[in-house]
Amino acid sequence: MQYQDFKESFSKGLRIFINNVILVIKMAICYGLLVSLTSIVLLPLSRSGTVGLTIVISVVNILGMARNKAVLEVYRKISFEDSDGNDYEDDTIISK
């Protein structure tokens, strides 16, 4: 029973990923640039010792949590729309 649920969830997630691959690439580039620019700014702070390193680690963790939250919100929106009985196999979130 649990294997079937896992299989359905995995196939649904894969279908959402494939149908929205452009959105996935845009999100990856956006958050990648954000983290890169932030790390350039925080580089001098990371060299200042343990306190600076702790602050840098906290900031990067917060950015990672924000990225994960954004991805989960997109998945939740698509999943909610899919549970209404709509078929989104040929539809993407970008076109909405």
PDB file of N, CA and C in Angstrom:
ATOM      1  N   MET A   1       0.824  -1.189   0.000  1.00  0.00           N
ATOM      2  CA  MET A   1       0.000   0.000   0.000  1.00  0.00           C
ATOM      3  C   MET A   1       0.872   1.258   0.000  1.00  0.00           C
ATOM      4  N   GLN A   2       1.876   1.319   0.872  1.00  0.00           N
ATOM      5  CA  GLN A   2       2.728   2.489   0.933  1.00  0.00           C
ATOM      6  C   GLN A   2       3.582   2.610  -0.320  1.00  0.00           C
ATOM      7  N   TYR A   3       3.955   1.473  -0.886  1.00  0.00           N
ATOM      8  CA  TYR A   3       4.755   1.499  -2.110  1.00  0.00           C
ATOM      9  C   TYR A   3       3.965   2.140  -3.239  1.00  0.00           C
ATOM     10  N   GLN A   4       2.687   1.833  -3.324  1.00  0.00           N
ATOM     11  CA  GLN A   4       1.837   2.407  -4.366  1.00  0.00           C
ATOM     12  C   GLN A   4       1.700   3.921  -4.184  1.00  0.00           C
ATOM     13  N   ASP A   5       1.546   4.380  -2.939  1.00  0.00           N
ATOM     14  CA  ASP A   5       1.454   5.814  -2.675  1.00  0.00           C
ATOM     15  C   ASP A   5       2.751   6.522  -3.063  1.00  0.00           C
ATOM     16  N   PHE A   6       3.875   5.891  -2.728  1.00  0.00           N
ATOM     17  CA  PHE A   6       5.168   6.463  -3.092  1.00  0.00           C
ATOM     18  C   PHE A   6       5.316   6.531  -4.603  1.00  0.00           C
ATOM     19  N   LYS A   7       4.914   5.482  -5.271  1.00  0.00           N
ATOM     20  CA  LYS A   7       5.020   5.428  -6.727  1.00  0.00           C
ATOM     21  C   LYS A   7       4.139   6.501  -7.380  1.00  0.00           C
ATOM     22  N   GLU A   8       2.926   6.682  -6.864  1.00  0.00           N
ATOM     23  CA  GLU A   8       2.037   7.715  -7.401  1.00  0.00           C
ATOM     24  C   GLU A   8       2.603   9.111  -7.149  1.00  0.00           C
ATOM     25  N   SER A   9       3.104   9.344  -5.939  1.00  0.00           N
ATOM     26  CA  SER A   9       3.672  10.652  -5.611  1.00  0.00           C
ATOM     27  C   SER A   9       4.894  10.949  -6.463  1.00  0.00           C
ATOM     28  N   PHE A  10       5.737   9.951  -6.657  1.00  0.00           N
ATOM     29  CA  PHE A  10       6.936  10.137  -7.465  1.00  0.00           C
ATOM     30  C   PHE A  10       6.573  10.439  -8.910  1.00  0.00           C
ATOM     31  N   SER A  11       5.624   9.693  -9.467  1.00  0.00           N
ATOM     32  CA  SER A  11       5.247   9.932 -10.865  1.00  0.00           C
ATOM     33  C   SER A  11       4.570  11.283 -11.019  1.00  0.00           C
ATOM     34  N   LYS A  12       3.778  11.693 -10.023  1.00  0.00           N
ATOM     35  CA  LYS A  12       3.140  13.012 -10.079  1.00  0.00           C
ATOM     36  C   LYS A  12       4.198  14.118 -10.000  1.00  0.00           C
ATOM     37  N   GLY A  13       5.157  13.981  -9.108  1.00  0.00           N
ATOM     38  CA  GLY A  13       6.229  14.966  -8.992  1.00  0.00           C
ATOM     39  C   GLY A  13       7.070  15.038 -10.258  1.00  0.00           C
ATOM     40  N   LEU A  14       7.349  13.906 -10.853  1.00  0.00           N
ATOM     41  CA  LEU A  14       8.125  13.867 -12.096  1.00  0.00           C
ATOM     42  C   LEU A  14       7.350  14.524 -13.232  1.00  0.00           C
ATOM     43  N   ARG A  15       6.047  14.277 -13.293  1.00  0.00           N
ATOM     44  CA  ARG A  15       5.212  14.888 -14.326  1.00  0.00           C
ATOM     45  C   ARG A  15       5.194  16.413 -14.172  1.00  0.00           C
ATOM     46  N   ILE A  16       5.072  16.884 -12.934  1.00  0.00           N
ATOM     47  CA  ILE A  16       5.081  18.329 -12.679  1.00  0.00           C
ATOM     48  C   ILE A  16       6.427  18.926 -13.068  1.00  0.00           C
ATOM     49  N   PHE A  17       7.510  18.230 -12.733  1.00  0.00           N
ATOM     50  CA  PHE A  17       8.848  18.710 -13.088  1.00  0.00           C
ATOM     51  C   PHE A  17       9.012  18.812 -14.599  1.00  0.00           C
ATOM     52  N   ILE A  18       8.629  17.784 -15.316  1.00  0.00           N
ATOM     53  CA  ILE A  18       8.804  17.766 -16.766  1.00  0.00           C
ATOM     54  C   ILE A  18       7.936  18.834 -17.428  1.00  0.00           C
ATOM     55  N   ASN A  19       6.705  18.992 -16.955  1.00  0.00           N
ATOM     56  CA  ASN A  19       5.808  19.976 -17.549  1.00  0.00           C
ATOM     57  C   ASN A  19       6.226  21.409 -17.243  1.00  0.00           C
ATOM     58  N   ASN A  20       6.990  21.611 -16.198  1.00  0.00           N
ATOM     59  CA  ASN A  20       7.386  22.954 -15.786  1.00  0.00           C
ATOM     60  C   ASN A  20       8.894  23.109 -15.741  1.00  0.00           C
ATOM     61  N   VAL A  21       9.603  22.467 -16.655  1.00  0.00           N
ATOM     62  CA  VAL A  21      11.060  22.472 -16.626  1.00  0.00           C
ATOM     63  C   VAL A  21      11.623  23.886 -16.832  1.00  0.00           C
ATOM     64  N   ILE A  22      10.962  24.716 -17.619  1.00  0.00           N
ATOM     65  CA  ILE A  22      11.418  26.091 -17.813  1.00  0.00           C
ATOM     66  C   ILE A  22      11.355  26.862 -16.497  1.00  0.00           C
ATOM     67  N   LEU A  23      10.271  26.679 -15.756  1.00  0.00           N
ATOM     68  CA  LEU A  23      10.129  27.331 -14.460  1.00  0.00           C
ATOM     69  C   LEU A  23      11.208  26.849 -13.491  1.00  0.00           C
ATOM     70  N   VAL A  24      11.498  25.560 -13.522  1.00  0.00           N
ATOM     71  CA  VAL A  24      12.543  25.004 -12.656  1.00  0.00           C
ATOM     72  C   VAL A  24      13.892  25.640 -12.978  1.00  0.00           C
ATOM     73  N   ILE A  25      14.196  25.787 -14.260  1.00  0.00           N
ATOM     74  CA  ILE A  25      15.468  26.394 -14.662  1.00  0.00           C
ATOM     75  C   ILE A  25      15.523  27.856 -14.232  1.00  0.00           C
ATOM     76  N   LYS A  26      14.416  28.586 -14.416  1.00  0.00           N
ATOM     77  CA  LYS A  26      14.381  29.992 -14.007  1.00  0.00           C
ATOM     78  C   LYS A  26      14.580  30.135 -12.499  1.00  0.00           C
ATOM     79  N   MET A  27      13.927  29.269 -11.712  1.00  0.00           N
ATOM     80  CA  MET A  27      14.081  29.337 -10.260  1.00  0.00           C
ATOM     81  C   MET A  27      15.505  28.993  -9.851  1.00  0.00           C
ATOM     82  N   ALA A  28      16.105  28.010 -10.498  1.00  0.00           N
ATOM     83  CA  ALA A  28      17.473  27.623 -10.162  1.00  0.00           C
ATOM     84  C   ALA A  28      18.452  28.754 -10.461  1.00  0.00           C
ATOM     85  N   ILE A  29      18.282  29.405 -11.605  1.00  0.00           N
ATOM     86  CA  ILE A  29      19.165  30.516 -11.961  1.00  0.00           C
ATOM     87  C   ILE A  29      18.969  31.682 -11.001  1.00  0.00           C
ATOM     88  N   CYS A  30      17.715  32.002 -10.707  1.00  0.00           N
ATOM     89  CA  CYS A  30      17.417  33.133  -9.821  1.00  0.00           C
ATOM     90  C   CYS A  30      18.026  32.921  -8.437  1.00  0.00           C
ATOM     91  N   TYR A  31      17.769  31.785  -7.828  1.00  0.00           N
ATOM     92  CA  TYR A  31      18.305  31.528  -6.493  1.00  0.00           C
ATOM     93  C   TYR A  31      19.813  31.311  -6.518  1.00  0.00           C
ATOM     94  N   GLY A  32      20.333  30.757  -7.602  1.00  0.00           N
ATOM     95  CA  GLY A  32      21.777  30.606  -7.723  1.00  0.00           C
ATOM     96  C   GLY A  32      22.484  31.952  -7.761  1.00  0.00           C
ATOM     97  N   LEU A  33      21.921  32.878  -8.534  1.00  0.00           N
ATOM     98  CA  LEU A  33      22.502  34.221  -8.580  1.00  0.00           C
ATOM     99  C   LEU A  33      22.391  34.917  -7.232  1.00  0.00           C
ATOM    100  N   LEU A  34      21.267  34.754  -6.574  1.00  0.00           N
ATOM    101  CA  LEU A  34      21.075  35.377  -5.265  1.00  0.00           C
ATOM    102  C   LEU A  34      22.107  34.875  -4.257  1.00  0.00           C
ATOM    103  N   VAL A  35      22.309  33.561  -4.210  1.00  0.00           N
ATOM    104  CA  VAL A  35      23.285  32.997  -3.274  1.00  0.00           C
ATOM    105  C   VAL A  35      24.700  33.405  -3.663  1.00  0.00           C
ATOM    106  N   SER A  36      25.010  33.446  -4.966  1.00  0.00           N
ATOM    107  CA  SER A  36      26.350  33.842  -5.405  1.00  0.00           C
ATOM    108  C   SER A  36      26.664  35.281  -5.025  1.00  0.00           C
ATOM    109  N   LEU A  37      25.723  36.176  -5.303  1.00  0.00           N
ATOM    110  CA  LEU A  37      25.949  37.576  -4.951  1.00  0.00           C
ATOM    111  C   LEU A  37      26.044  37.767  -3.443  1.00  0.00           C
ATOM    112  N   THR A  38      25.220  37.052  -2.707  1.00  0.00           N
ATOM    113  CA  THR A  38      25.267  37.147  -1.248  1.00  0.00           C
ATOM    114  C   THR A  38      26.591  36.634  -0.714  1.00  0.00           C
ATOM    115  N   SER A  39      27.106  35.534  -1.285  1.00  0.00           N
ATOM    116  CA  SER A  39      28.379  35.029  -0.788  1.00  0.00           C
ATOM    117  C   SER A  39      29.537  35.949  -1.102  1.00  0.00           C
ATOM    118  N   ILE A  40      29.463  36.668  -2.222  1.00  0.00           N
ATOM    119  CA  ILE A  40      30.518  37.640  -2.529  1.00  0.00           C
ATOM    120  C   ILE A  40      30.506  38.758  -1.484  1.00  0.00           C
ATOM    121  N   VAL A  41      29.327  39.205  -1.125  1.00  0.00           N
ATOM    122  CA  VAL A  41      29.200  40.266  -0.131  1.00  0.00           C
ATOM    123  C   VAL A  41      29.637  39.775   1.251  1.00  0.00           C
ATOM    124  N   LEU A  42      29.344  38.522   1.569  1.00  0.00           N
ATOM    125  CA  LEU A  42      29.633  37.993   2.899  1.00  0.00           C
ATOM    126  C   LEU A  42      31.036  37.411   3.046  1.00  0.00           C
ATOM    127  N   LEU A  43      31.800  37.365   1.963  1.00  0.00           N
ATOM    128  CA  LEU A  43      33.152  36.785   2.023  1.00  0.00           C
ATOM    129  C   LEU A  43      34.050  37.476   3.049  1.00  0.00           C
ATOM    130  N   PRO A  44      34.102  38.800   3.096  1.00  0.00           N
ATOM    131  CA  PRO A  44      34.951  39.424   4.124  1.00  0.00           C
ATOM    132  C   PRO A  44      34.493  39.095   5.550  1.00  0.00           C
ATOM    133  N   LEU A  45      33.195  38.966   5.729  1.00  0.00           N
ATOM    134  CA  LEU A  45      32.671  38.629   7.052  1.00  0.00           C
ATOM    135  C   LEU A  45      33.069  37.211   7.463  1.00  0.00           C
ATOM    136  N   SER A  46      33.132  36.308   6.490  1.00  0.00           N
ATOM    137  CA  SER A  46      33.492  34.924   6.814  1.00  0.00           C
ATOM    138  C   SER A  46      34.956  34.797   7.235  1.00  0.00           C
ATOM    139  N   ARG A  47      35.783  35.744   6.850  1.00  0.00           N
ATOM    140  CA  ARG A  47      37.203  35.707   7.215  1.00  0.00           C
ATOM    141  C   ARG A  47      37.479  36.327   8.579  1.00  0.00           C
ATOM    142  N   SER A  48      36.423  36.851   9.206  1.00  0.00           N
ATOM    143  CA  SER A  48      36.638  37.557  10.473  1.00  0.00           C
ATOM    144  C   SER A  48      36.621  36.644  11.694  1.00  0.00           C
ATOM    145  N   GLY A  49      36.476  35.375  11.501  1.00  0.00           N
ATOM    146  CA  GLY A  49      36.535  34.465  12.639  1.00  0.00           C
ATOM    147  C   GLY A  49      35.252  33.676  12.817  1.00  0.00           C
ATOM    148  N   THR A  50      35.119  33.097  13.990  1.00  0.00           N
ATOM    149  CA  THR A  50      34.001  32.204  14.279  1.00  0.00           C
ATOM    150  C   THR A  50      32.647  32.912  14.234  1.00  0.00           C
ATOM    151  N   VAL A  51      32.582  34.104  14.771  1.00  0.00           N
ATOM    152  CA  VAL A  51      31.312  34.840  14.781  1.00  0.00           C
ATOM    153  C   VAL A  51      30.886  35.175  13.353  1.00  0.00           C
ATOM    154  N   GLY A  52      31.812  35.651  12.550  1.00  0.00           N
ATOM    155  CA  GLY A  52      31.510  35.973  11.154  1.00  0.00           C
ATOM    156  C   GLY A  52      31.088  34.747  10.375  1.00  0.00           C
ATOM    157  N   LEU A  53      31.780  33.648  10.596  1.00  0.00           N
ATOM    158  CA  LEU A  53      31.441  32.403   9.922  1.00  0.00           C
ATOM    159  C   LEU A  53      30.051  31.921  10.323  1.00  0.00           C
ATOM    160  N   THR A  54      29.710  32.060  11.584  1.00  0.00           N
ATOM    161  CA  THR A  54      28.380  31.670  12.060  1.00  0.00           C
ATOM    162  C   THR A  54      27.296  32.518  11.403  1.00  0.00           C
ATOM    163  N   ILE A  55      27.542  33.810  11.250  1.00  0.00           N
ATOM    164  CA  ILE A  55      26.573  34.698  10.607  1.00  0.00           C
ATOM    165  C   ILE A  55      26.404  34.318   9.134  1.00  0.00           C
ATOM    166  N   VAL A  56      27.501  34.048   8.457  1.00  0.00           N
ATOM    167  CA  VAL A  56      27.441  33.672   7.047  1.00  0.00           C
ATOM    168  C   VAL A  56      26.669  32.368   6.870  1.00  0.00           C
ATOM    169  N   ILE A  57      26.944  31.393   7.701  1.00  0.00           N
ATOM    170  CA  ILE A  57      26.238  30.117   7.624  1.00  0.00           C
ATOM    171  C   ILE A  57      24.746  30.323   7.849  1.00  0.00           C
ATOM    172  N   SER A  58      24.381  31.172   8.806  1.00  0.00           N
ATOM    173  CA  SER A  58      22.963  31.440   9.082  1.00  0.00           C
ATOM    174  C   SER A  58      22.282  32.103   7.894  1.00  0.00           C
ATOM    175  N   VAL A  59      22.944  33.068   7.268  1.00  0.00           N
ATOM    176  CA  VAL A  59      22.349  33.763   6.122  1.00  0.00           C
ATOM    177  C   VAL A  59      22.153  32.810   4.948  1.00  0.00           C
ATOM    178  N   VAL A  60      23.150  31.987   4.666  1.00  0.00           N
ATOM    179  CA  VAL A  60      23.037  31.032   3.562  1.00  0.00           C
ATOM    180  C   VAL A  60      21.943  29.996   3.858  1.00  0.00           C
ATOM    181  N   ASN A  61      21.814  29.576   5.118  1.00  0.00           N
ATOM    182  CA  ASN A  61      20.743  28.654   5.481  1.00  0.00           C
ATOM    183  C   ASN A  61      19.374  29.280   5.278  1.00  0.00           C
ATOM    184  N   ILE A  62      19.231  30.548   5.622  1.00  0.00           N
ATOM    185  CA  ILE A  62      17.956  31.235   5.432  1.00  0.00           C
ATOM    186  C   ILE A  62      17.609  31.314   3.945  1.00  0.00           C
ATOM    187  N   LEU A  63      18.599  31.602   3.113  1.00  0.00           N
ATOM    188  CA  LEU A  63      18.354  31.624   1.666  1.00  0.00           C
ATOM    189  C   LEU A  63      17.943  30.245   1.150  1.00  0.00           C
ATOM    190  N   GLY A  64      18.560  29.205   1.668  1.00  0.00           N
ATOM    191  CA  GLY A  64      18.191  27.842   1.279  1.00  0.00           C
ATOM    192  C   GLY A  64      16.774  27.494   1.697  1.00  0.00           C
ATOM    193  N   MET A  65      16.392  27.920   2.898  1.00  0.00           N
ATOM    194  CA  MET A  65      15.018  27.670   3.350  1.00  0.00           C
ATOM    195  C   MET A  65      14.012  28.422   2.490  1.00  0.00           C
ATOM    196  N   ALA A  66      14.355  29.633   2.081  1.00  0.00           N
ATOM    197  CA  ALA A  66      13.460  30.406   1.221  1.00  0.00           C
ATOM    198  C   ALA A  66      13.287  29.721  -0.135  1.00  0.00           C
ATOM    199  N   ARG A  67      14.375  29.178  -0.663  1.00  0.00           N
ATOM    200  CA  ARG A  67      14.287  28.459  -1.932  1.00  0.00           C
ATOM    201  C   ARG A  67      13.404  27.227  -1.805  1.00  0.00           C
ATOM    202  N   ASN A  68      13.600  26.461  -0.738  1.00  0.00           N
ATOM    203  CA  ASN A  68      12.782  25.274  -0.530  1.00  0.00           C
ATOM    204  C   ASN A  68      11.309  25.640  -0.357  1.00  0.00           C
ATOM    205  N   LYS A  69      11.033  26.712   0.349  1.00  0.00           N
ATOM    206  CA  LYS A  69       9.648  27.162   0.552  1.00  0.00           C
ATOM    207  C   LYS A  69       9.012  27.547  -0.780  1.00  0.00           C
ATOM    208  N   ALA A  70       9.763  28.234  -1.640  1.00  0.00           N
ATOM    209  CA  ALA A  70       9.232  28.628  -2.950  1.00  0.00           C
ATOM    210  C   ALA A  70       8.904  27.399  -3.795  1.00  0.00           C
ATOM    211  N   VAL A  71       9.791  26.422  -3.799  1.00  0.00           N
ATOM    212  CA  VAL A  71       9.551  25.199  -4.569  1.00  0.00           C
ATOM    213  C   VAL A  71       8.329  24.461  -4.022  1.00  0.00           C
ATOM    214  N   LEU A  72       8.211  24.369  -2.706  1.00  0.00           N
ATOM    215  CA  LEU A  72       7.062  23.687  -2.123  1.00  0.00           C
ATOM    216  C   LEU A  72       5.757  24.419  -2.407  1.00  0.00           C
ATOM    217  N   GLU A  73       5.781  25.741  -2.426  1.00  0.00           N
ATOM    218  CA  GLU A  73       4.566  26.502  -2.736  1.00  0.00           C
ATOM    219  C   GLU A  73       4.123  26.258  -4.180  1.00  0.00           C
ATOM    220  N   VAL A  74       5.063  26.212  -5.095  1.00  0.00           N
ATOM    221  CA  VAL A  74       4.722  25.923  -6.493  1.00  0.00           C
ATOM    222  C   VAL A  74       4.135  24.523  -6.596  1.00  0.00           C
ATOM    223  N   TYR A  75       4.769  23.548  -5.962  1.00  0.00           N
ATOM    224  CA  TYR A  75       4.268  22.175  -5.998  1.00  0.00           C
ATOM    225  C   TYR A  75       2.890  22.084  -5.353  1.00  0.00           C
ATOM    226  N   ARG A  76       2.681  22.782  -4.232  1.00  0.00           N
ATOM    227  CA  ARG A  76       1.387  22.753  -3.545  1.00  0.00           C
ATOM    228  C   ARG A  76       0.287  23.336  -4.425  1.00  0.00           C
ATOM    229  N   LYS A  77       0.588  24.424  -5.131  1.00  0.00           N
ATOM    230  CA  LYS A  77      -0.400  25.045  -6.008  1.00  0.00           C
ATOM    231  C   LYS A  77      -0.793  24.098  -7.130  1.00  0.00           C
ATOM    232  N   ILE A  78       0.198  23.496  -7.755  1.00  0.00           N
ATOM    233  CA  ILE A  78      -0.088  22.571  -8.853  1.00  0.00           C
ATOM    234  C   ILE A  78      -0.810  21.344  -8.330  1.00  0.00           C
ATOM    235  N   SER A  79      -0.393  20.842  -7.181  1.00  0.00           N
ATOM    236  CA  SER A  79      -1.026  19.664  -6.592  1.00  0.00           C
ATOM    237  C   SER A  79      -2.479  19.948  -6.228  1.00  0.00           C
ATOM    238  N   PHE A  80      -2.750  21.136  -5.683  1.00  0.00           N
ATOM    239  CA  PHE A  80      -4.118  21.509  -5.322  1.00  0.00           C
ATOM    240  C   PHE A  80      -4.987  21.608  -6.570  1.00  0.00           C
ATOM    241  N   GLU A  81      -4.465  22.224  -7.628  1.00  0.00           N
ATOM    242  CA  GLU A  81      -5.225  22.332  -8.865  1.00  0.00           C
ATOM    243  C   GLU A  81      -5.456  20.965  -9.482  1.00  0.00           C
ATOM    244  N   ASP A  82      -4.468  20.083  -9.349  1.00  0.00           N
ATOM    245  CA  ASP A  82      -4.596  18.732  -9.901  1.00  0.00           C
ATOM    246  C   ASP A  82      -5.632  17.920  -9.141  1.00  0.00           C
ATOM    247  N   SER A  83      -5.785  18.175  -7.839  1.00  0.00           N
ATOM    248  CA  SER A  83      -6.749  17.416  -7.049  1.00  0.00           C
ATOM    249  C   SER A  83      -8.179  17.848  -7.331  1.00  0.00           C
ATOM    250  N   ASP A  84      -8.372  18.986  -8.009  1.00  0.00           N
ATOM    251  CA  ASP A  84      -9.706  19.430  -8.386  1.00  0.00           C
ATOM    252  C   ASP A  84     -10.247  18.676  -9.594  1.00  0.00           C
ATOM    253  N   GLY A  85      -9.469  17.745 -10.105  1.00  0.00           N
ATOM    254  CA  GLY A  85      -9.906  16.951 -11.238  1.00  0.00           C
ATOM    255  C   GLY A  85      -9.417  17.477 -12.569  1.00  0.00           C
ATOM    256  N   ASN A  86      -8.633  18.494 -12.557  1.00  0.00           N
ATOM    257  CA  ASN A  86      -8.094  19.042 -13.795  1.00  0.00           C
ATOM    258  C   ASN A  86      -6.901  18.225 -14.245  1.00  0.00           C
ATOM    259  N   ASP A  87      -6.701  18.154 -15.542  1.00  0.00           N
ATOM    260  CA  ASP A  87      -5.567  17.437 -16.089  1.00  0.00           C
ATOM    261  C   ASP A  87      -4.553  18.449 -16.583  1.00  0.00           C
ATOM    262  N   TYR A  88      -3.374  18.482 -15.977  1.00  0.00           N
ATOM    263  CA  TYR A  88      -2.361  19.478 -16.298  1.00  0.00           C
ATOM    264  C   TYR A  88      -1.178  18.870 -17.037  1.00  0.00           C
ATOM    265  N   GLU A  89      -1.374  17.773 -17.704  1.00  0.00           N
ATOM    266  CA  GLU A  89      -0.247  17.137 -18.367  1.00  0.00           C
ATOM    267  C   GLU A  89       0.329  18.012 -19.482  1.00  0.00           C
ATOM    268  N   ASP A  90      -0.511  18.741 -20.212  1.00  0.00           N
ATOM    269  CA  ASP A  90      -0.018  19.568 -21.303  1.00  0.00           C
ATOM    270  C   ASP A  90       0.054  21.031 -20.921  1.00  0.00           C
ATOM    271  N   ASP A  91      -0.297  21.354 -19.686  1.00  0.00           N
ATOM    272  CA  ASP A  91      -0.363  22.735 -19.247  1.00  0.00           C
ATOM    273  C   ASP A  91       0.833  23.023 -18.358  1.00  0.00           C
ATOM    274  N   THR A  92       1.312  24.236 -18.395  1.00  0.00           N
ATOM    275  CA  THR A  92       2.404  24.619 -17.515  1.00  0.00           C
ATOM    276  C   THR A  92       1.951  25.768 -16.642  1.00  0.00           C
ATOM    277  N   ILE A  93       2.631  25.932 -15.545  1.00  0.00           N
ATOM    278  CA  ILE A  93       2.282  27.004 -14.616  1.00  0.00           C
ATOM    279  C   ILE A  93       2.667  28.363 -15.206  1.00  0.00           C
ATOM    280  N   ILE A  94       3.607  28.377 -16.132  1.00  0.00           N
ATOM    281  CA  ILE A  94       4.058  29.633 -16.727  1.00  0.00           C
ATOM    282  C   ILE A  94       2.947  30.255 -17.574  1.00  0.00           C
ATOM    283  N   SER A  95       2.160  29.412 -18.248  1.00  0.00           N
ATOM    284  CA  SER A  95       1.150  29.947 -19.148  1.00  0.00           C
ATOM    285  C   SER A  95      -0.063  30.481 -18.416  1.00  0.00           C
ATOM    286  N   LYS A  96      -0.124  30.300 -17.107  1.00  0.00           N
ATOM    287  CA  LYS A  96      -1.297  30.760 -16.344  1.00  0.00           C
ATOM    288  C   LYS A  96      -1.132  32.164 -15.874  1.00  0.00           C
TER     289      LYS A  96
END
